[in-house]
Amino acid sequence: MSVLVGLIVTLGMLLVVPLGLGLVEDPALDRTRRMWPWFAAPGALSLWLPRGDAATASALCYALGTLVLAGHAPRRLARGGRPDPAEAALLTALVAPAVAALALVAERSGHELFGFGLGVLALTVAHFHFAGFAAALVAGLVCRAGDRPSGRFAALSVPAGTLIVLVGWFTGEWVELAGALVLTAGMWTVALLTWDDMRTAGRTDAAGVLLGVSAGVLAVTMALALSWALGEATGLPHPTLTWMAATHGLGNALGFALCGLLARRRLQNDSDPEGSTAWTH
């Protein structure tokens, strides 16, 4: 695993996931949220150990935590019945780290899971922490912020796009391109709604600046994702995976996920209506 991808995934494990979980006001998640550092610490350690038994064992510790987290999804579904778009986005966010952990265990053990190379598996770990967890969670929050068709579209298209991209890894570049189109449309909608909410509220404080950065970064990083998927499907010139990690990956990790979640955490602490996370049933 490259140093850059390792740093991005470390950020996802240690900061992004717990920040995101802190925005979900569900007492059932409290224990998992408190226990998360005990799973995330060995997970992060596994990224920096040489591939082998020690790295695999540490990755398995993280995988256990992600399974505990994913276990909340069927319980929430049983309590609430048919999910609305925002709830569907949250359920996606709860399950996504487990997909990342599966790829992590395989990559740290040196096993080419489903025939995918170790480099692709490493990028899968990053993808499902940010496109899977952070993007779905934020899309759900944006949907909860107001009863808007565009918000419902974002909350449904982000999980759908992530799933189609995953299917495309097994079926071909054109399916992956379709997933990238759906995911990009959803994320651009998230960016536009975030920017509109910030402008309407007239926010010029730290939370407003962070939200503005988060929305602006999405416009660029998702254009890069779309150009890469288009190039893979058509053979047109497109960025390399290394360049994508340094631009799309790093931008989404720092600019979109970290800035966006920090801003929403600040809104939540200020008891601002925009920071509402009423995801209890």
Foldseek 3Di string as FASTA:
>chain_A
DDPLLLVLLLLLQPPQVLLLLVLAPDPVCVVLSVCSVVLSVLQSVLSPDAQADSSLVSLVSNLVSLVVQLVVLVVQCVVPPDDALLNLLQNQLSNLQNQLSVLSNCLSNLHCPVVNHSVVSSVSNLCSSQLRRQQSSLLSLLCVLDVDPLSSLLSNLSSVLVVQLVVCVVVHLVSNLVSLVSNLSSLLSSLVSLLVVLVVVVDPDLLSVLSPQQSVLSVPLSVLVNQVSVCRRPVPDHDDPVVNCVRNVVSSSVRHRPSNSVSLVVCVVVVHSSNDNHPYD
